[in-house]
Amino acid sequence: MWFLKVLAYCTAFALVYSWIVVWIIERREKKYGQGTIMFSDAFLAGSLTLFCVLISNLLVFVMWPTSAASFNVFLVTLLAGFCLYRESVYQLDAKKIRHRLRAEARLVNIYISKDPANAAYYGRLCDIYAKLGEKAPALEAARMANKLEPTARNRVRIQQLQETK
């Protein structure tokens, strides 16, 4: 009976632990929009974490039952450290991406000043501002692109921006 309780606890702990690891990995895509995470990659990371945490927890509970709580605290501390590390990396990457997009917006504005009748420049500027989350300048650029070149793509771009307001 004792072993079944230990097995149930270790399994539950390992499941929650691996779910949190996968959640941390998926934050890159969901919160920061920095690429996509394939299901197979997340599943592999979660599976390996589940296996390693479950086996190590069972070994510690069976061989050193008095150290089991300390071991679980150690694992949770490692998880918190991993979470803080990945979050700081994601924030740094997001800052770099925003800086690159702002530089690209400045460059496209220079191109627009040299060729103000080019609708493609306004379309690209709209995309950049939309990625930066600046809806008003994006909508202005989309309207200018639609004015210069009234295509279905430009109309859809305007509609999408108006819906997200």
Protein backbone atom coordinates (compact mmCIF):
# COMPACT_ATOMS: atom_id res chain seq x y z
CA MET A 1 0.00 0.00 0.00
CA TRP A 2 2.86 2.38 0.85
CA PHE A 3 4.47 1.83 -2.55
CA LEU A 4 1.20 2.58 -4.39
CA LYS A 5 0.93 5.91 -2.59
CA VAL A 6 4.53 6.71 -3.47
CA LEU A 7 3.93 5.68 -7.09
CA ALA A 8 0.80 7.85 -7.32
CA TYR A 9 2.59 10.85 -5.79
CA CYS A 10 5.66 10.46 -8.01
CA THR A 11 3.51 10.10 -11.13
CA ALA A 12 1.44 13.17 -10.30
CA PHE A 13 4.55 15.21 -9.49
CA ALA A 14 6.26 14.14 -12.72
CA LEU A 15 3.16 14.93 -14.81
CA VAL A 16 2.81 18.42 -13.35
CA TYR A 17 6.55 19.02 -13.65
CA SER A 18 6.68 17.99 -17.31
CA TRP A 19 3.54 20.02 -18.10
CA ILE A 20 5.21 23.13 -16.66
CA VAL A 21 8.38 22.47 -18.71
CA VAL A 22 6.31 22.23 -21.91
CA TRP A 23 4.38 25.37 -20.94
CA ILE A 24 7.64 27.29 -20.47
CA ILE A 25 8.88 26.12 -23.87
CA GLU A 26 5.61 27.04 -25.60
CA ARG A 27 5.61 30.58 -24.12
CA ARG A 28 8.17 31.53 -26.74
CA GLU A 29 5.57 31.07 -29.45
CA LYS A 30 2.38 32.01 -27.63
CA LYS A 31 3.44 35.09 -25.67
CA TYR A 32 6.38 36.45 -27.60
CA GLY A 33 5.62 35.21 -31.13
CA GLN A 34 9.19 34.09 -31.73
CA GLY A 35 8.74 31.22 -34.14
CA THR A 36 6.71 28.09 -33.81
CA ILE A 37 7.18 25.09 -31.58
CA MET A 38 6.29 21.83 -33.24
CA PHE A 39 4.14 19.40 -31.28
CA SER A 40 6.74 16.65 -31.68
CA ASP A 41 9.43 18.85 -30.07
CA ALA A 42 7.22 19.80 -27.13
CA PHE A 43 6.05 16.20 -26.75
CA LEU A 44 9.64 14.92 -26.76
CA ALA A 45 10.72 17.46 -24.13
CA GLY A 46 7.70 16.64 -21.99
CA SER A 47 8.17 12.89 -22.35
CA LEU A 48 11.85 12.96 -21.45
CA THR A 49 11.14 15.22 -18.48
CA LEU A 50 8.32 12.97 -17.33
CA PHE A 51 10.49 9.86 -17.58
CA CYS A 52 13.52 11.38 -15.84
CA VAL A 53 11.56 13.01 -13.01
CA LEU A 54 9.42 9.91 -12.43
CA ILE A 55 12.35 7.48 -12.32
CA SER A 56 14.55 9.76 -10.19
CA ASN A 57 11.67 10.44 -7.79
CA LEU A 58 10.91 6.74 -7.43
CA LEU A 59 14.59 5.93 -6.83
CA VAL A 60 14.90 8.63 -4.17
CA PHE A 61 11.66 7.55 -2.45
CA VAL A 62 12.73 3.90 -2.36
CA MET A 63 16.45 4.30 -1.55
CA TRP A 64 16.42 7.45 0.64
CA PRO A 65 12.86 8.08 1.85
CA THR A 66 13.97 10.74 4.34
CA SER A 67 15.55 12.82 1.53
CA ALA A 68 12.55 12.66 -0.80
CA ALA A 69 11.07 16.00 0.24
CA SER A 70 14.42 17.72 -0.13
CA PHE A 71 14.84 16.19 -3.57
CA ASN A 72 11.42 17.47 -4.67
CA VAL A 73 12.25 20.95 -3.36
CA PHE A 74 15.48 20.77 -5.34
CA LEU A 75 13.57 19.79 -8.50
CA VAL A 76 11.08 22.64 -8.05
CA THR A 77 13.98 25.05 -7.52
CA LEU A 78 15.56 23.83 -10.76
CA LEU A 79 12.27 24.33 -12.54
CA ALA A 80 11.92 27.87 -11.19
CA GLY A 81 15.46 28.66 -12.29
CA PHE A 82 14.77 27.25 -15.75
CA CYS A 83 11.59 29.33 -15.96
CA LEU A 84 13.37 32.55 -14.97
CA TYR A 85 16.24 31.86 -17.36
CA ARG A 86 13.99 31.10 -20.34
CA GLU A 87 11.76 34.10 -19.59
CA SER A 88 14.77 36.43 -19.56
CA VAL A 89 16.02 34.92 -22.83
CA TYR A 90 12.58 35.34 -24.42
CA GLN A 91 12.37 38.96 -23.26
CA LEU A 92 15.85 39.72 -24.58
CA ASP A 93 15.00 38.14 -27.93
CA ALA A 94 11.74 40.11 -28.08
CA LYS A 95 13.68 43.31 -27.41
CA LYS A 96 16.12 42.49 -30.21
CA ILE A 97 13.25 41.76 -32.61
CA ARG A 98 11.52 45.04 -31.73
CA HIS A 99 14.79 46.92 -32.27
CA ARG A 100 15.27 45.27 -35.66
CA LEU A 101 11.68 46.05 -36.67
CA ARG A 102 12.05 49.68 -35.63
CA ALA A 103 15.25 49.96 -37.69
CA GLU A 104 13.44 48.39 -40.65
CA ALA A 105 10.55 50.87 -40.24
CA ARG A 106 13.01 53.77 -40.32
CA LEU A 107 14.59 52.35 -43.46
CA VAL A 108 11.22 51.86 -45.18
CA ASN A 109 10.30 55.46 -44.27
CA ILE A 110 13.50 56.61 -45.99
CA TYR A 111 12.53 54.58 -49.06
CA ILE A 112 9.04 56.10 -48.97
CA SER A 113 10.51 59.60 -48.88
CA LYS A 114 12.48 58.76 -52.03
CA ASP A 115 9.57 57.01 -53.81
CA PRO A 116 6.24 58.08 -52.29
CA ALA A 117 4.16 56.42 -55.02
CA ASN A 118 5.30 52.87 -54.20
CA ALA A 119 2.44 50.98 -52.57
CA ALA A 120 4.67 48.02 -51.67
CA TYR A 121 6.66 50.21 -49.27
CA TYR A 122 3.47 51.26 -47.51
CA GLY A 123 2.34 47.63 -47.34
CA ARG A 124 5.62 46.60 -45.75
CA LEU A 125 5.45 49.52 -43.35
CA CYS A 126 1.95 48.43 -42.37
CA ASP A 127 3.20 44.90 -41.68
CA ILE A 128 6.08 46.19 -39.57
CA TYR A 129 3.86 48.44 -37.47
CA ALA A 130 1.35 45.60 -37.04
CA LYS A 131 4.11 43.33 -35.73
CA LEU A 132 5.19 46.08 -33.34
CA GLY A 133 1.61 46.38 -32.11
CA GLU A 134 1.22 49.97 -33.27
CA LYS A 135 -2.22 49.84 -34.87
CA ALA A 136 -2.74 53.53 -35.73
CA PRO A 137 0.39 53.95 -37.90
CA ALA A 138 -0.22 50.51 -39.39
CA LEU A 139 -3.74 51.48 -40.38
CA GLU A 140 -2.51 54.77 -41.84
CA ALA A 141 0.11 52.94 -43.92
CA ALA A 142 -2.46 50.36 -45.05
CA ARG A 143 -4.87 53.09 -46.15
CA MET A 144 -2.09 54.80 -48.10
CA ALA A 145 -1.16 51.49 -49.74
CA ASN A 146 -4.81 50.94 -50.66
CA LYS A 147 -5.06 54.48 -52.03
CA LEU A 148 -2.03 53.97 -54.26
CA GLU A 149 -2.90 50.41 -55.28
CA PRO A 150 -6.48 49.31 -54.51
CA THR A 151 -6.04 45.55 -54.36
CA ALA A 152 -7.88 42.90 -52.40
CA ARG A 153 -4.83 42.31 -50.22
CA ASN A 154 -4.71 45.95 -49.16
CA ARG A 155 -8.44 45.99 -48.40
CA VAL A 156 -8.13 42.82 -46.32
CA ARG A 157 -5.17 44.32 -44.48
CA ILE A 158 -7.28 47.38 -43.56
CA GLN A 159 -10.19 45.20 -42.44
CA GLN A 160 -7.96 43.06 -40.25
CA LEU A 161 -6.45 46.11 -38.59
CA GLN A 162 -9.85 47.66 -37.97
CA GLU A 163 -11.13 44.43 -36.41
CA THR A 164 -8.23 44.21 -33.97
CA LYS A 165 -8.81 47.73 -32.62
